[in-house]
Amino acid sequence: MTKIKPQYITDEKGKKISVVLPVKYYEALLEELEELEDIKLYDEAKKGKQEFIDAAQAFKEIEEERNQTM
C-alpha cells in the first residue's frame, strides 16, 4: 500500500473525530483486514486437535450426511 494522506474531521475544539480516506485506500484496508482475519482463524484452527482423513472418506461422509437430511 502506498503512503496514505488522510484528511481529518475535527470537532469545535480541534479534536480529531473522523478520518476521510480515498475509496481505493479504504477498500485496500478492508482487504488487508479480511486477510488478517483469515490468518487469525487459520492460526486458531491449528491450535486445536486435528484429525485428518483422506479426501475419498471426507466426500463419502458428506454424501451420507446429505442423504440423511433429505
N, C-alpha and C. Protein backbone atom coordinates (compact mmCIF):
# COMPACT_ATOMS: atom_id res chain seq x y z
N MET A 1 0.85 -1.18 0.00
CA MET A 1 0.00 0.00 0.00
C MET A 1 0.90 1.24 0.00
N THR A 2 0.48 2.22 -0.76
CA THR A 2 1.26 3.45 -0.81
C THR A 2 0.95 4.32 0.40
N LYS A 3 1.70 5.36 0.55
CA LYS A 3 1.51 6.24 1.71
C LYS A 3 0.15 6.92 1.61
N ILE A 4 -0.59 6.79 2.68
CA ILE A 4 -1.94 7.37 2.75
C ILE A 4 -1.86 8.76 3.36
N LYS A 5 -2.60 9.67 2.77
CA LYS A 5 -2.67 11.04 3.30
C LYS A 5 -4.11 11.30 3.71
N PRO A 6 -4.46 10.88 4.93
CA PRO A 6 -5.86 11.07 5.35
C PRO A 6 -6.18 12.52 5.65
N GLN A 7 -7.45 12.81 5.55
CA GLN A 7 -7.96 14.10 5.98
C GLN A 7 -8.75 13.84 7.26
N TYR A 8 -8.72 14.78 8.17
CA TYR A 8 -9.40 14.60 9.44
C TYR A 8 -10.56 15.57 9.58
N ILE A 9 -11.59 15.10 10.21
CA ILE A 9 -12.70 15.96 10.58
C ILE A 9 -12.54 16.19 12.08
N THR A 10 -12.62 17.44 12.46
CA THR A 10 -12.41 17.79 13.87
C THR A 10 -13.67 18.41 14.47
N ASP A 11 -13.73 18.33 15.78
CA ASP A 11 -14.84 19.00 16.46
C ASP A 11 -14.48 20.47 16.67
N GLU A 12 -15.34 21.19 17.35
CA GLU A 12 -15.11 22.63 17.54
C GLU A 12 -13.87 22.94 18.37
N LYS A 13 -13.35 21.95 19.10
CA LYS A 13 -12.14 22.15 19.90
C LYS A 13 -10.87 21.71 19.16
N GLY A 14 -11.04 21.23 17.93
CA GLY A 14 -9.89 20.79 17.15
C GLY A 14 -9.52 19.32 17.36
N LYS A 15 -10.32 18.61 18.15
CA LYS A 15 -10.06 17.19 18.40
C LYS A 15 -10.50 16.38 17.17
N LYS A 16 -9.60 15.49 16.70
CA LYS A 16 -9.93 14.65 15.54
C LYS A 16 -11.02 13.67 15.93
N ILE A 17 -12.10 13.65 15.13
CA ILE A 17 -13.21 12.75 15.43
C ILE A 17 -13.52 11.78 14.29
N SER A 18 -13.02 12.06 13.09
CA SER A 18 -13.26 11.20 11.94
C SER A 18 -12.09 11.30 10.97
N VAL A 19 -12.01 10.29 10.09
CA VAL A 19 -10.97 10.27 9.08
C VAL A 19 -11.64 10.12 7.72
N VAL A 20 -11.14 10.85 6.74
CA VAL A 20 -11.61 10.75 5.37
C VAL A 20 -10.48 10.16 4.54
N LEU A 21 -10.78 9.03 3.86
CA LEU A 21 -9.80 8.36 3.01
C LEU A 21 -10.35 8.23 1.61
N PRO A 22 -9.48 8.23 0.61
CA PRO A 22 -9.95 7.90 -0.74
C PRO A 22 -10.51 6.47 -0.74
N VAL A 23 -11.52 6.24 -1.54
CA VAL A 23 -12.19 4.94 -1.58
C VAL A 23 -11.20 3.81 -1.86
N LYS A 24 -10.25 4.01 -2.76
CA LYS A 24 -9.32 2.93 -3.09
C LYS A 24 -8.48 2.52 -1.88
N TYR A 25 -8.12 3.47 -1.02
CA TYR A 25 -7.36 3.14 0.18
C TYR A 25 -8.25 2.44 1.21
N TYR A 26 -9.47 2.91 1.31
CA TYR A 26 -10.43 2.28 2.22
C TYR A 26 -10.65 0.82 1.83
N GLU A 27 -10.86 0.58 0.54
CA GLU A 27 -11.08 -0.79 0.06
C GLU A 27 -9.84 -1.65 0.28
N ALA A 28 -8.65 -1.08 0.08
CA ALA A 28 -7.42 -1.81 0.32
C ALA A 28 -7.28 -2.18 1.80
N LEU A 29 -7.66 -1.26 2.68
CA LEU A 29 -7.63 -1.54 4.12
C LEU A 29 -8.58 -2.68 4.47
N LEU A 30 -9.76 -2.67 3.88
CA LEU A 30 -10.72 -3.74 4.14
C LEU A 30 -10.17 -5.09 3.68
N GLU A 31 -9.53 -5.12 2.52
CA GLU A 31 -8.94 -6.36 2.02
C GLU A 31 -7.85 -6.86 2.97
N GLU A 32 -7.02 -5.95 3.44
CA GLU A 32 -5.96 -6.32 4.38
C GLU A 32 -6.55 -6.87 5.68
N LEU A 33 -7.60 -6.24 6.17
CA LEU A 33 -8.25 -6.71 7.39
C LEU A 33 -8.84 -8.11 7.21
N GLU A 34 -9.46 -8.35 6.05
CA GLU A 34 -10.01 -9.67 5.77
C GLU A 34 -8.91 -10.73 5.74
N GLU A 35 -7.80 -10.38 5.12
CA GLU A 35 -6.68 -11.32 5.05
C GLU A 35 -6.12 -11.60 6.45
N LEU A 36 -5.99 -10.57 7.26
CA LEU A 36 -5.52 -10.76 8.63
C LEU A 36 -6.50 -11.62 9.44
N GLU A 37 -7.78 -11.44 9.23
CA GLU A 37 -8.78 -12.25 9.92
C GLU A 37 -8.65 -13.72 9.50
N ASP A 38 -8.43 -13.96 8.21
CA ASP A 38 -8.23 -15.33 7.73
C ASP A 38 -7.00 -15.96 8.39
N ILE A 39 -5.94 -15.20 8.49
CA ILE A 39 -4.71 -15.70 9.12
C ILE A 39 -4.98 -16.02 10.59
N LYS A 40 -5.71 -15.14 11.25
CA LYS A 40 -6.04 -15.35 12.67
C LYS A 40 -6.86 -16.62 12.84
N LEU A 41 -7.86 -16.82 11.99
CA LEU A 41 -8.69 -18.03 12.07
C LEU A 41 -7.87 -19.28 11.78
N TYR A 42 -6.98 -19.20 10.82
CA TYR A 42 -6.10 -20.33 10.49
C TYR A 42 -5.23 -20.68 11.69
N ASP A 43 -4.63 -19.66 12.31
CA ASP A 43 -3.78 -19.90 13.48
C ASP A 43 -4.56 -20.53 14.62
N GLU A 44 -5.80 -20.08 14.84
CA GLU A 44 -6.64 -20.65 15.89
C GLU A 44 -6.97 -22.11 15.57
N ALA A 45 -7.26 -22.39 14.31
CA ALA A 45 -7.59 -23.75 13.91
C ALA A 45 -6.40 -24.69 14.11
N LYS A 46 -5.22 -24.19 13.85
CA LYS A 46 -4.01 -25.01 14.00
C LYS A 46 -3.75 -25.37 15.46
N LYS A 47 -4.23 -24.56 16.40
CA LYS A 47 -4.01 -24.82 17.83
C LYS A 47 -4.83 -26.01 18.32
N GLY A 48 -5.96 -26.25 17.67
CA GLY A 48 -6.86 -27.30 18.11
C GLY A 48 -6.39 -28.68 17.68
N LYS A 49 -7.03 -29.69 18.27
CA LYS A 49 -6.74 -31.08 17.90
C LYS A 49 -7.21 -31.29 16.46
N GLN A 50 -6.35 -31.89 15.67
CA GLN A 50 -6.67 -32.09 14.27
C GLN A 50 -6.68 -33.57 13.94
N GLU A 51 -7.68 -33.94 13.19
CA GLU A 51 -7.79 -35.31 12.72
C GLU A 51 -7.89 -35.25 11.20
N PHE A 52 -7.03 -35.97 10.53
CA PHE A 52 -7.01 -35.93 9.08
C PHE A 52 -7.58 -37.23 8.51
N ILE A 53 -8.39 -37.06 7.47
CA ILE A 53 -8.88 -38.22 6.73
C ILE A 53 -8.62 -37.95 5.25
N ASP A 54 -8.62 -39.01 4.47
CA ASP A 54 -8.35 -38.77 3.04
C ASP A 54 -9.60 -38.19 2.37
N ALA A 55 -9.42 -37.63 1.22
CA ALA A 55 -10.49 -36.92 0.52
C ALA A 55 -11.66 -37.84 0.21
N ALA A 56 -11.39 -39.07 -0.22
CA ALA A 56 -12.46 -40.00 -0.57
C ALA A 56 -13.36 -40.25 0.64
N GLN A 57 -12.77 -40.43 1.82
CA GLN A 57 -13.54 -40.65 3.03
C GLN A 57 -14.35 -39.40 3.38
N ALA A 58 -13.77 -38.23 3.23
CA ALA A 58 -14.48 -36.98 3.52
C ALA A 58 -15.70 -36.82 2.62
N PHE A 59 -15.53 -37.09 1.31
CA PHE A 59 -16.65 -36.98 0.37
C PHE A 59 -17.74 -38.00 0.70
N LYS A 60 -17.34 -39.20 1.11
CA LYS A 60 -18.30 -40.23 1.48
C LYS A 60 -19.12 -39.76 2.68
N GLU A 61 -18.46 -39.21 3.69
CA GLU A 61 -19.17 -38.74 4.88
C GLU A 61 -20.11 -37.58 4.56
N ILE A 62 -19.68 -36.69 3.69
CA ILE A 62 -20.53 -35.57 3.28
C ILE A 62 -21.78 -36.08 2.58
N GLU A 63 -21.61 -37.03 1.67
CA GLU A 63 -22.75 -37.60 0.94
C GLU A 63 -23.70 -38.32 1.89
N GLU A 64 -23.16 -39.04 2.87
CA GLU A 64 -24.00 -39.72 3.84
C GLU A 64 -24.83 -38.72 4.64
N GLU A 65 -24.21 -37.60 5.04
CA GLU A 65 -24.94 -36.57 5.79
C GLU A 65 -26.02 -35.92 4.93
N ARG A 66 -25.72 -35.70 3.67
CA ARG A 66 -26.71 -35.12 2.76
C ARG A 66 -27.92 -36.04 2.62
N ASN A 67 -27.64 -37.33 2.47
CA ASN A 67 -28.73 -38.30 2.27
C ASN A 67 -29.60 -38.41 3.52
N GLN A 68 -29.02 -38.20 4.69
CA GLN A 68 -29.79 -38.29 5.94
C GLN A 68 -30.72 -37.10 6.11
N THR A 69 -30.35 -35.96 5.56
CA THR A 69 -31.16 -34.74 5.72
C THR A 69 -32.24 -34.62 4.65
N MET A 70 -32.23 -35.46 3.67
CA MET A 70 -33.22 -35.37 2.58
C MET A 70 -34.45 -36.18 2.89
